[in-house]
Every structure is written in structure tokens, then in C-alpha cells.
Amino acid sequence: MISSWPPKLIVYIKRYERSQTNESEASKENELMDVPHEAYTRLEKYITSDESPVGIDAKKTHILILYKLMEIERKLDNLSHKVTIKAS
């Protein structure tokens, strides 16, 4: 039945349901993801977009993900370089 509803309506309903989640449930969810509550809240505020049908700004989100992946890649390269030097 829900699948016959307009997609935007489903998104709004899901957003409403998320907004009704109490703090302890949100806290438990954050712990499962191993994200400190303060960081989760800060990131959530940063990527949230009321103009987007999914509730987040896709461009900001992708830029953030790509930036973090590039940081990880740089750190791995540095570690790899250090290991190579020690092995020589």
C-alpha cells in the first residue's frame, strides 16, 4: 500500500518519524555507528537540507565523504612509505 504513495509523501513521513525519535534511541543508534554524539549532531546539521527530498544536501555530503577518503588515502600512503623505509 505504501509503495503506491507519492515518493515525496513517503520522504516527509520518514522525516517526521525520525523527528519523533527520542534522544536515548538516537544516542543508541550513534553508539552502534561508533560516532560520538557531538560529532554526529554537528555532521547532521551540516548536511541537512530542507530543500532536498531526502533531507540531506547530496553535494555537501559527497564532498565531505570524498575529502575524508582523500585524507585516509594520504595517511595510508605515509604509513606505507614509513613501512617501506623500515623494511629496507
Protein backbone atom coordinates (compact mmCIF):
# COMPACT_ATOMS: atom_id res chain seq x y z
CA MET A 1 0.00 0.00 0.00
CA ILE A 2 2.75 2.46 0.95
CA SER A 3 4.50 1.83 -2.37
CA SER A 4 1.56 3.45 -4.15
CA TRP A 5 2.02 6.69 -2.21
CA PRO A 6 3.85 9.59 -3.84
CA PRO A 7 7.60 9.41 -3.10
CA LYS A 8 7.72 12.89 -1.56
CA LEU A 9 4.97 11.93 0.89
CA ILE A 10 6.94 8.86 1.95
CA VAL A 11 10.03 11.03 2.49
CA TYR A 12 8.07 13.51 4.61
CA ILE A 13 6.58 10.69 6.68
CA LYS A 14 10.04 9.18 7.27
CA ARG A 15 11.40 12.61 8.25
CA TYR A 16 8.53 13.05 10.68
CA GLU A 17 9.16 9.62 12.17
CA ARG A 18 12.86 10.43 12.60
CA SER A 19 11.98 13.70 14.31
CA GLN A 20 9.86 11.78 16.79
CA THR A 21 12.75 9.52 17.82
CA ASN A 22 13.61 10.24 21.43
CA GLU A 23 17.13 11.20 22.47
CA SER A 24 18.01 7.84 24.04
CA GLU A 25 17.13 5.94 20.85
CA ALA A 26 19.20 8.37 18.78
CA SER A 27 22.07 8.01 21.24
CA LYS A 28 21.95 4.20 20.99
CA GLU A 29 21.99 4.42 17.20
CA ASN A 30 25.03 6.72 17.31
CA GLU A 31 26.87 4.30 19.60
CA LEU A 32 26.26 1.47 17.15
CA MET A 33 27.90 3.54 14.43
CA ASP A 34 30.77 4.46 16.76
CA VAL A 35 30.21 8.16 16.13
CA PRO A 36 30.38 10.43 19.18
CA HIS A 37 27.05 12.17 19.72
CA GLU A 38 28.54 15.65 19.33
CA ALA A 39 30.19 14.75 16.02
CA TYR A 40 27.03 13.05 14.77
CA THR A 41 24.91 16.09 15.62
CA ARG A 42 27.41 18.50 14.06
CA LEU A 43 27.61 16.48 10.84
CA GLU A 44 23.85 16.00 10.73
CA LYS A 45 23.32 19.76 10.97
CA TYR A 46 25.96 20.35 8.30
CA ILE A 47 24.48 18.02 5.66
CA THR A 48 20.76 18.52 6.41
CA SER A 49 18.76 20.25 3.70
CA ASP A 50 15.05 21.04 3.89
CA GLU A 51 15.12 21.67 0.15
CA SER A 52 16.18 18.09 -0.64
CA PRO A 53 13.55 15.35 -0.93
CA VAL A 54 15.85 13.00 1.03
CA GLY A 55 16.66 15.53 3.75
CA ILE A 56 20.37 15.98 3.05
CA ASP A 57 22.44 18.09 0.70
CA ALA A 58 23.95 15.48 -1.62
CA LYS A 59 26.75 17.75 -2.86
CA LYS A 60 27.93 18.64 0.67
CA THR A 61 27.67 15.01 1.71
CA HIS A 62 29.69 13.74 -1.23
CA ILE A 63 32.34 16.43 -0.82
CA LEU A 64 32.69 15.51 2.86
CA ILE A 65 32.97 11.79 2.07
CA LEU A 66 35.48 12.36 -0.74
CA TYR A 67 37.57 14.70 1.41
CA LYS A 68 37.72 12.16 4.23
CA LEU A 69 38.62 9.38 1.78
CA MET A 70 41.46 11.52 0.40
CA GLU A 71 42.70 12.10 3.98
CA ILE A 72 42.64 8.35 4.62
CA GLU A 73 44.49 7.69 1.36
CA ARG A 74 47.16 10.26 2.26
CA LYS A 75 47.63 8.72 5.72
CA LEU A 76 47.89 5.21 4.24
CA ASP A 77 50.48 6.42 1.73
CA ASN A 78 52.51 7.96 4.58
CA LEU A 79 52.31 4.74 6.60
CA SER A 80 53.22 2.65 3.58
CA HIS A 81 56.21 4.87 2.94
CA LYS A 82 57.37 4.54 6.58
CA VAL A 83 57.00 0.75 6.49
CA THR A 84 58.96 0.60 3.22
CA ILE A 85 61.79 2.66 4.71
CA LYS A 86 61.95 0.47 7.86
CA ALA A 87 61.93 -2.71 5.77
CA SER A 88 64.90 -1.51 3.71
